[in-house]
Amino acid sequence: DGILDQLAKYERAKMAERSRRGKLRKAREGKVIAGRMARFGSANYGFALNDARDGLIVDEEKMAVVRLIFRMVGVEGQPINAAKRTLDASGVPTPTGKPRWSVSTLRDIIFNDVYRPHSFEEVRPLVSPEVAAQLDSQQNYGLWKWGTTRHIRSQVSEVGPNGTRVYREQHKSVARPEEEWEYVPVPDSGVPCEWVDAARDAIRD
C-alpha cells in the first residue's frame, strides 16, 4: 500500500506539471486560462469568456458596475464602503451571484490590471513578439495575469481524538516573483486610467 501511495503521489505530481506547462504555453500564446472561471461559468467581473473560451470580451452590463465602482471611489472620493452599500442597496449580485458585496472583492477589482488601460507600448515588452504582432498599436488593452502565485499541496499528519494518526492535505499559496508572471492582453474595459489610479491611491493604505 505504501508503494502504491508513493506511485500515485508521483503520478499526480507529473500530471500537475504537464497541466502547468500546457497552461504556460497557452498564456504565452496570448490566451487566457479559463480554469476556475469556466467552472463558475464566468470570467473577471465585467468580462465574459469568448466562444473558444480562451479570451475575454466585455460584458457591457456588468462593466457598467465596474465603472461605477471606479467613479465613486476614484472620481467622487467616496469610501469603498459607500460603494459596497450602493451596490447592496441596488440589488446588484456579486461576481459569484451573492446578494452582498465584500470590501475585499471591491479592492480586488480596483487593483486588478485587467481593468486598467495600458497602451500598446506598455504591453509590447510584456508579451511575446508573436502576440504583440496581433495587437493594434492604436488601442489600449487590459492585462490578464497568470502564474502570480504558486500553489503548494502537502500531507501533514496529526494525532486524532482516539490516539490514532490521521493525515490531511495542507494547501498554501506563495507569491511568485513578478519576472515569472505571464501577461495576456484583453479588451479595454473602458475605465479611464485616471479613475483607476485615483481609486488605487484612495484605498492603498
Foldseek 3Di string as FASTA:
>chain_A
DVVVVVVVVVVVVVVVVVVVVVCVVLLLLQWHDCVVVVVLQADLFQWHADPVRGAIDGDNVRLVLLLVQLCVCQVVVHDNVVSQVVQLVVQPADPSRHSGDDSVSSLCSLPAQQAAWDALVRCVVQHDPNLSVPDDNGFTWGKDKPDQKDKDKDKDWDQDPVRRIDIDIDIDIGGDDPVPMGIHTHHHSPRYNSSSVRSCVSPVD
